[in-house]
């Protein structure tokens, strides 16, 4: 939750997020990729601890990928400005 937003910064757990809002978020997550003809299923809600673990794992994967790419020399961009 945004730490500086007074509408959110008092929430400590998912249980404090209103059920209606949880339903709206789940609905959004199931339909937002439809324009790309992709299917998304919401598997449920997980704890804050699970979210922190996933964020840390994502950051670790990013660093690993970045280190692989940083050792490669990329060709110059052939973009033209208009």
Protein backbone atom coordinates (compact mmCIF):
# COMPACT_ATOMS: atom_id res chain seq x y z
CA UNK A 1 0.00 0.00 0.00
CA UNK A 2 1.22 3.55 -0.66
CA UNK A 3 2.87 4.70 2.55
CA UNK A 4 2.11 8.39 2.08
CA UNK A 5 -1.51 8.03 0.94
CA UNK A 6 -3.84 8.59 3.91
CA UNK A 7 -6.50 6.51 2.22
CA UNK A 8 -4.25 3.45 2.28
CA UNK A 9 -1.42 3.92 4.76
CA UNK A 10 -3.42 2.74 7.77
CA UNK A 11 -4.00 -0.73 6.29
CA UNK A 12 -1.81 -3.47 7.67
CA UNK A 13 -3.25 -6.61 6.08
CA UNK A 14 -5.44 -7.81 3.24
CA UNK A 15 -8.24 -8.43 5.74
CA UNK A 16 -8.56 -4.66 6.11
CA UNK A 17 -9.23 -4.12 2.38
CA UNK A 18 -13.01 -4.07 1.83
CA UNK A 19 -14.35 -7.22 0.17
CA UNK A 20 -15.99 -5.14 -2.60
CA UNK A 21 -12.64 -3.58 -3.50
CA UNK A 22 -10.97 -6.99 -3.49
CA UNK A 23 -13.66 -8.19 -5.91
CA UNK A 24 -13.16 -5.16 -8.17
CA UNK A 25 -9.39 -5.72 -8.26
CA UNK A 26 -9.87 -9.43 -9.03
CA UNK A 27 -12.32 -8.57 -11.81
CA UNK A 28 -9.90 -6.05 -13.31
CA UNK A 29 -7.11 -8.62 -13.26
CA UNK A 30 -9.26 -11.15 -15.11
CA UNK A 31 -10.31 -8.79 -17.92
CA UNK A 32 -7.44 -6.35 -18.50
CA UNK A 33 -5.60 -8.63 -20.95
CA UNK A 34 -8.65 -9.48 -23.03
CA UNK A 35 -7.82 -6.75 -25.56
CA UNK A 36 -4.59 -8.67 -26.23
CA UNK A 37 -6.57 -11.92 -26.55
CA UNK A 38 -4.90 -13.31 -23.44
CA UNK A 39 -6.61 -15.25 -20.68
CA UNK A 40 -5.89 -14.50 -17.02
CA UNK A 41 -7.21 -16.32 -13.97
CA UNK A 42 -7.05 -14.98 -10.45
CA UNK A 43 -5.85 -17.78 -8.18
CA UNK A 44 -6.77 -15.93 -5.03
CA UNK A 45 -5.21 -13.56 -2.56
CA UNK A 46 -1.94 -14.13 -0.77
CA UNK A 47 -0.43 -12.67 2.37
CA UNK A 48 1.86 -9.67 2.59
CA UNK A 49 4.72 -12.02 3.43
CA UNK A 50 4.09 -13.99 0.22
CA UNK A 51 4.02 -10.74 -1.77
CA UNK A 52 7.34 -9.60 -0.27
CA UNK A 53 8.92 -12.97 -1.13
CA UNK A 54 7.66 -12.70 -4.73
CA UNK A 55 8.95 -9.13 -5.07
CA UNK A 56 12.36 -10.19 -3.77
CA UNK A 57 12.45 -13.15 -6.17
CA UNK A 58 11.48 -10.86 -9.07
CA UNK A 59 14.24 -8.41 -8.18
CA UNK A 60 16.75 -11.27 -7.99
CA UNK A 61 15.69 -12.54 -11.45
CA UNK A 62 15.96 -9.00 -12.82
CA UNK A 63 19.49 -8.58 -11.46
CA UNK A 64 20.51 -11.94 -12.92
CA UNK A 65 19.06 -11.03 -16.33
CA UNK A 66 20.61 -7.55 -16.21
CA UNK A 67 24.04 -8.97 -15.46
CA UNK A 68 23.78 -11.29 -18.47
CA UNK A 69 22.76 -8.42 -20.74
CA UNK A 70 25.30 -5.93 -19.43
CA UNK A 71 28.16 -8.07 -20.71
CA UNK A 72 26.81 -8.00 -24.28
CA UNK A 73 27.50 -5.22 -26.72
CA UNK A 74 24.32 -4.06 -28.36
CA UNK A 75 24.27 -2.53 -31.85
CA UNK A 76 23.57 1.20 -32.05
CA UNK A 77 19.98 2.28 -32.40
CA UNK A 78 18.96 3.17 -35.94
CA UNK A 79 16.16 5.49 -34.95
CA UNK A 80 15.56 8.69 -36.80
CA UNK A 81 14.17 11.78 -35.19
CA UNK A 82 11.37 13.66 -36.83
